[in-house]
Amino acid sequence: MRHSALILAASLGLAVATGAAASDRPDPGKLTNRCLDAAAKKFDVKNDYIQLQPLQAADSGYAIAGTADAGIDGKKNFTCQFDKKGKLANLVPDAK
């Protein structure tokens, strides 16, 4: 009986520790929305005219590459850079 209690306690501790580590990561959906909003403002287009790649881990945190269709001004490639906590650090247009 005591052995079962130890296993249960250990598994609960593992579940709590795993949950804490997972909650340290920012929500990818929120990062995507922040990137969309920042790019729409930067390139003066609606969110519908922006295509984003999946969220990627980067040295400084996270990054999302994207393209904004700015109509007559052409397509503008950019990267949203986030810190490890998920704060938008920079929106970097690709140099042409």
N, C-alpha and C. Protein backbone atom coordinates (compact mmCIF):
# COMPACT_ATOMS: atom_id res chain seq x y z
N MET A 1 0.82 -1.19 0.00
CA MET A 1 0.00 0.00 0.00
C MET A 1 0.87 1.26 0.00
N ARG A 2 1.93 1.25 0.81
CA ARG A 2 2.80 2.41 0.89
C ARG A 2 3.49 2.64 -0.45
N HIS A 3 3.87 1.57 -1.13
CA HIS A 3 4.52 1.67 -2.43
C HIS A 3 3.60 2.38 -3.44
N SER A 4 2.32 2.04 -3.42
CA SER A 4 1.35 2.67 -4.33
C SER A 4 1.22 4.16 -4.05
N ALA A 5 1.23 4.52 -2.77
CA ALA A 5 1.12 5.93 -2.40
C ALA A 5 2.34 6.72 -2.89
N LEU A 6 3.51 6.12 -2.82
CA LEU A 6 4.72 6.79 -3.30
C LEU A 6 4.69 6.99 -4.80
N ILE A 7 4.22 6.00 -5.51
CA ILE A 7 4.12 6.11 -6.97
C ILE A 7 3.12 7.19 -7.34
N LEU A 8 1.99 7.23 -6.67
CA LEU A 8 0.97 8.25 -6.94
C LEU A 8 1.53 9.64 -6.64
N ALA A 9 2.21 9.80 -5.51
CA ALA A 9 2.78 11.10 -5.15
C ALA A 9 3.83 11.53 -6.18
N ALA A 10 4.66 10.59 -6.61
CA ALA A 10 5.69 10.90 -7.61
C ALA A 10 5.07 11.30 -8.94
N SER A 11 4.00 10.60 -9.36
CA SER A 11 3.37 10.96 -10.62
C SER A 11 2.67 12.30 -10.55
N LEU A 12 2.09 12.62 -9.42
CA LEU A 12 1.45 13.94 -9.27
C LEU A 12 2.51 15.04 -9.30
N GLY A 13 3.63 14.80 -8.67
CA GLY A 13 4.72 15.78 -8.70
C GLY A 13 5.24 15.99 -10.10
N LEU A 14 5.36 14.91 -10.87
CA LEU A 14 5.81 15.00 -12.25
C LEU A 14 4.79 15.76 -13.08
N ALA A 15 3.52 15.49 -12.88
CA ALA A 15 2.48 16.20 -13.62
C ALA A 15 2.50 17.69 -13.32
N VAL A 16 2.68 18.06 -12.06
CA VAL A 16 2.74 19.47 -11.69
C VAL A 16 3.98 20.12 -12.29
N ALA A 17 5.13 19.45 -12.23
CA ALA A 17 6.36 20.00 -12.78
C ALA A 17 6.25 20.15 -14.29
N THR A 18 5.68 19.18 -14.97
CA THR A 18 5.51 19.24 -16.41
C THR A 18 4.57 20.37 -16.79
N GLY A 19 3.50 20.52 -16.04
CA GLY A 19 2.54 21.59 -16.31
C GLY A 19 3.17 22.96 -16.13
N ALA A 20 4.02 23.12 -15.15
CA ALA A 20 4.67 24.40 -14.91
C ALA A 20 5.61 24.74 -16.05
N ALA A 21 6.35 23.76 -16.54
CA ALA A 21 7.28 24.02 -17.63
C ALA A 21 6.52 24.38 -18.91
N ALA A 22 5.42 23.71 -19.16
CA ALA A 22 4.64 23.98 -20.37
C ALA A 22 4.01 25.37 -20.30
N SER A 23 3.64 25.83 -19.11
CA SER A 23 2.99 27.12 -19.00
C SER A 23 3.99 28.27 -19.16
N ASP A 24 5.29 27.98 -19.08
CA ASP A 24 6.30 29.01 -19.28
C ASP A 24 6.40 29.42 -20.75
N ARG A 25 5.95 28.56 -21.64
CA ARG A 25 6.00 28.87 -23.06
C ARG A 25 4.81 29.75 -23.44
N PRO A 26 5.04 30.77 -24.27
CA PRO A 26 3.93 31.62 -24.69
C PRO A 26 2.98 30.86 -25.63
N ASP A 27 1.74 31.28 -25.66
CA ASP A 27 0.72 30.69 -26.51
C ASP A 27 1.01 31.05 -27.98
N PRO A 28 1.24 30.05 -28.85
CA PRO A 28 1.53 30.34 -30.26
C PRO A 28 0.43 31.15 -30.95
N GLY A 29 -0.82 30.92 -30.57
CA GLY A 29 -1.92 31.68 -31.17
C GLY A 29 -1.83 33.17 -30.86
N LYS A 30 -1.44 33.48 -29.62
CA LYS A 30 -1.30 34.89 -29.24
C LYS A 30 -0.14 35.54 -29.98
N LEU A 31 0.96 34.80 -30.14
CA LEU A 31 2.10 35.35 -30.87
C LEU A 31 1.73 35.60 -32.33
N THR A 32 0.99 34.69 -32.91
CA THR A 32 0.54 34.85 -34.29
C THR A 32 -0.32 36.09 -34.43
N ASN A 33 -1.26 36.28 -33.51
CA ASN A 33 -2.14 37.46 -33.58
C ASN A 33 -1.35 38.75 -33.39
N ARG A 34 -0.38 38.75 -32.49
CA ARG A 34 0.46 39.95 -32.29
C ARG A 34 1.24 40.28 -33.55
N CYS A 35 1.76 39.24 -34.19
CA CYS A 35 2.52 39.44 -35.42
C CYS A 35 1.62 39.96 -36.54
N LEU A 36 0.44 39.37 -36.68
CA LEU A 36 -0.51 39.84 -37.70
C LEU A 36 -0.84 41.31 -37.50
N ASP A 37 -1.17 41.69 -36.28
CA ASP A 37 -1.55 43.07 -35.99
C ASP A 37 -0.40 44.04 -36.26
N ALA A 38 0.81 43.68 -35.85
CA ALA A 38 1.97 44.54 -36.06
C ALA A 38 2.27 44.69 -37.55
N ALA A 39 2.19 43.60 -38.30
CA ALA A 39 2.47 43.65 -39.74
C ALA A 39 1.40 44.45 -40.48
N ALA A 40 0.14 44.27 -40.09
CA ALA A 40 -0.94 45.02 -40.73
C ALA A 40 -0.73 46.52 -40.54
N LYS A 41 -0.33 46.90 -39.34
CA LYS A 41 -0.08 48.31 -39.06
C LYS A 41 1.14 48.81 -39.83
N LYS A 42 2.22 48.03 -39.81
CA LYS A 42 3.48 48.43 -40.46
C LYS A 42 3.31 48.62 -41.97
N PHE A 43 2.60 47.69 -42.61
CA PHE A 43 2.47 47.72 -44.07
C PHE A 43 1.14 48.31 -44.53
N ASP A 44 0.32 48.79 -43.59
CA ASP A 44 -0.96 49.44 -43.88
C ASP A 44 -1.86 48.56 -44.75
N VAL A 45 -2.03 47.32 -44.30
CA VAL A 45 -2.92 46.37 -44.99
C VAL A 45 -3.81 45.69 -43.95
N LYS A 46 -4.85 45.03 -44.41
CA LYS A 46 -5.70 44.25 -43.52
C LYS A 46 -5.01 42.92 -43.22
N ASN A 47 -5.37 42.33 -42.08
CA ASN A 47 -4.78 41.04 -41.69
C ASN A 47 -4.96 39.97 -42.76
N ASP A 48 -6.04 40.07 -43.54
CA ASP A 48 -6.31 39.08 -44.60
C ASP A 48 -5.22 39.06 -45.68
N TYR A 49 -4.45 40.13 -45.78
CA TYR A 49 -3.42 40.23 -46.82
C TYR A 49 -2.04 39.83 -46.30
N ILE A 50 -2.03 39.16 -45.16
CA ILE A 50 -0.77 38.73 -44.57
C ILE A 50 -0.76 37.21 -44.43
N GLN A 51 0.32 36.60 -44.86
CA GLN A 51 0.50 35.16 -44.70
C GLN A 51 1.68 34.94 -43.76
N LEU A 52 1.47 34.07 -42.77
CA LEU A 52 2.52 33.78 -41.80
C LEU A 52 2.95 32.32 -41.87
N GLN A 53 4.22 32.10 -41.62
CA GLN A 53 4.77 30.76 -41.49
C GLN A 53 4.56 30.31 -40.04
N PRO A 54 4.75 29.04 -39.75
CA PRO A 54 4.62 28.58 -38.36
C PRO A 54 5.66 29.22 -37.44
N LEU A 55 5.32 29.31 -36.18
CA LEU A 55 6.20 29.83 -35.14
C LEU A 55 7.45 28.95 -35.05
N GLN A 56 8.61 29.59 -34.97
CA GLN A 56 9.88 28.88 -34.87
C GLN A 56 10.63 29.34 -33.62
N ALA A 57 11.34 28.43 -32.99
CA ALA A 57 12.23 28.81 -31.89
C ALA A 57 13.43 29.53 -32.48
N ALA A 58 13.88 30.57 -31.79
CA ALA A 58 15.05 31.34 -32.23
C ALA A 58 15.98 31.51 -31.03
N ASP A 59 17.20 31.97 -31.29
CA ASP A 59 18.18 32.16 -30.21
C ASP A 59 17.64 33.07 -29.11
N SER A 60 16.99 34.15 -29.51
CA SER A 60 16.53 35.13 -28.52
C SER A 60 15.12 34.84 -28.01
N GLY A 61 14.45 33.85 -28.58
CA GLY A 61 13.08 33.52 -28.17
C GLY A 61 12.34 32.79 -29.27
N TYR A 62 11.53 33.55 -30.02
CA TYR A 62 10.71 32.95 -31.08
C TYR A 62 10.67 33.89 -32.28
N ALA A 63 10.36 33.34 -33.45
CA ALA A 63 10.26 34.14 -34.66
C ALA A 63 9.14 33.59 -35.55
N ILE A 64 8.51 34.50 -36.27
CA ILE A 64 7.50 34.13 -37.26
C ILE A 64 7.83 34.90 -38.53
N ALA A 65 8.08 34.18 -39.62
CA ALA A 65 8.33 34.81 -40.91
C ALA A 65 6.99 35.00 -41.60
N GLY A 66 6.89 36.07 -42.40
CA GLY A 66 5.63 36.32 -43.08
C GLY A 66 5.81 37.16 -44.33
N THR A 67 4.70 37.29 -45.06
CA THR A 67 4.65 38.11 -46.26
C THR A 67 3.37 38.92 -46.24
N ALA A 68 3.49 40.22 -46.50
CA ALA A 68 2.33 41.10 -46.59
C ALA A 68 2.16 41.48 -48.05
N ASP A 69 0.95 41.32 -48.57
CA ASP A 69 0.65 41.74 -49.94
C ASP A 69 0.19 43.18 -49.89
N ALA A 70 1.09 44.11 -50.25
CA ALA A 70 0.81 45.54 -50.16
C ALA A 70 0.30 46.10 -51.48
N GLY A 71 -0.33 45.26 -52.28
CA GLY A 71 -0.94 45.72 -53.54
C GLY A 71 0.09 46.24 -54.52
N ILE A 72 -0.08 47.49 -54.94
CA ILE A 72 0.80 48.09 -55.95
C ILE A 72 2.25 48.19 -55.46
N ASP A 73 2.44 48.22 -54.14
CA ASP A 73 3.80 48.28 -53.57
C ASP A 73 4.47 46.91 -53.54
N GLY A 74 3.74 45.87 -53.92
CA GLY A 74 4.31 44.53 -53.99
C GLY A 74 4.22 43.76 -52.69
N LYS A 75 4.82 42.60 -52.69
CA LYS A 75 4.82 41.74 -51.51
C LYS A 75 6.04 42.07 -50.66
N LYS A 76 5.78 42.22 -49.37
CA LYS A 76 6.83 42.58 -48.42
C LYS A 76 7.06 41.43 -47.46
N ASN A 77 8.26 40.89 -47.46
CA ASN A 77 8.63 39.82 -46.52
C ASN A 77 9.13 40.44 -45.23
N PHE A 78 8.87 39.78 -44.13
CA PHE A 78 9.26 40.31 -42.82
C PHE A 78 9.38 39.17 -41.83
N THR A 79 9.91 39.48 -40.67
CA THR A 79 10.00 38.52 -39.57
C THR A 79 9.60 39.22 -38.28
N CYS A 80 8.68 38.62 -37.54
CA CYS A 80 8.33 39.08 -36.20
C CYS A 80 9.25 38.35 -35.23
N GLN A 81 9.93 39.10 -34.39
CA GLN A 81 10.83 38.51 -33.40
C GLN A 81 10.25 38.73 -32.00
N PHE A 82 10.18 37.66 -31.22
CA PHE A 82 9.64 37.69 -29.88
C PHE A 82 10.71 37.27 -28.88
N ASP A 83 10.63 37.84 -27.66
CA ASP A 83 11.54 37.38 -26.63
C ASP A 83 11.03 36.06 -26.06
N LYS A 84 11.74 35.51 -25.10
CA LYS A 84 11.39 34.19 -24.56
C LYS A 84 10.07 34.19 -23.80
N LYS A 85 9.61 35.35 -23.37
CA LYS A 85 8.34 35.45 -22.66
C LYS A 85 7.17 35.72 -23.61
N GLY A 86 7.46 35.92 -24.90
CA GLY A 86 6.41 36.12 -25.89
C GLY A 86 6.11 37.57 -26.21
N LYS A 87 6.93 38.49 -25.73
CA LYS A 87 6.74 39.91 -26.04
C LYS A 87 7.33 40.20 -27.42
N LEU A 88 6.57 40.92 -28.25
CA LEU A 88 7.06 41.29 -29.57
C LEU A 88 8.23 42.24 -29.40
N ALA A 89 9.41 41.80 -29.80
CA ALA A 89 10.62 42.61 -29.65
C ALA A 89 10.86 43.48 -30.87
N ASN A 90 10.51 42.94 -32.07
CA ASN A 90 10.84 43.65 -33.30
C ASN A 90 10.08 43.06 -34.47
N LEU A 91 9.74 43.90 -35.44
CA LEU A 91 9.23 43.43 -36.72
C LEU A 91 10.25 43.91 -37.74
N VAL A 92 10.94 42.97 -38.36
CA VAL A 92 12.05 43.28 -39.24
C VAL A 92 11.66 43.02 -40.69
N PRO A 93 11.52 44.09 -41.50
CA PRO A 93 11.28 43.89 -42.93
C PRO A 93 12.53 43.33 -43.59
N ASP A 94 12.35 42.41 -44.55
CA ASP A 94 13.49 41.88 -45.29
C ASP A 94 14.00 42.96 -46.23
N ALA A 95 15.31 43.10 -46.28
CA ALA A 95 15.93 44.08 -47.18
C ALA A 95 15.95 43.50 -48.59
N LYS A 96 15.65 44.36 -49.56
CA LYS A 96 15.70 43.92 -50.96
C LYS A 96 16.81 44.61 -51.67
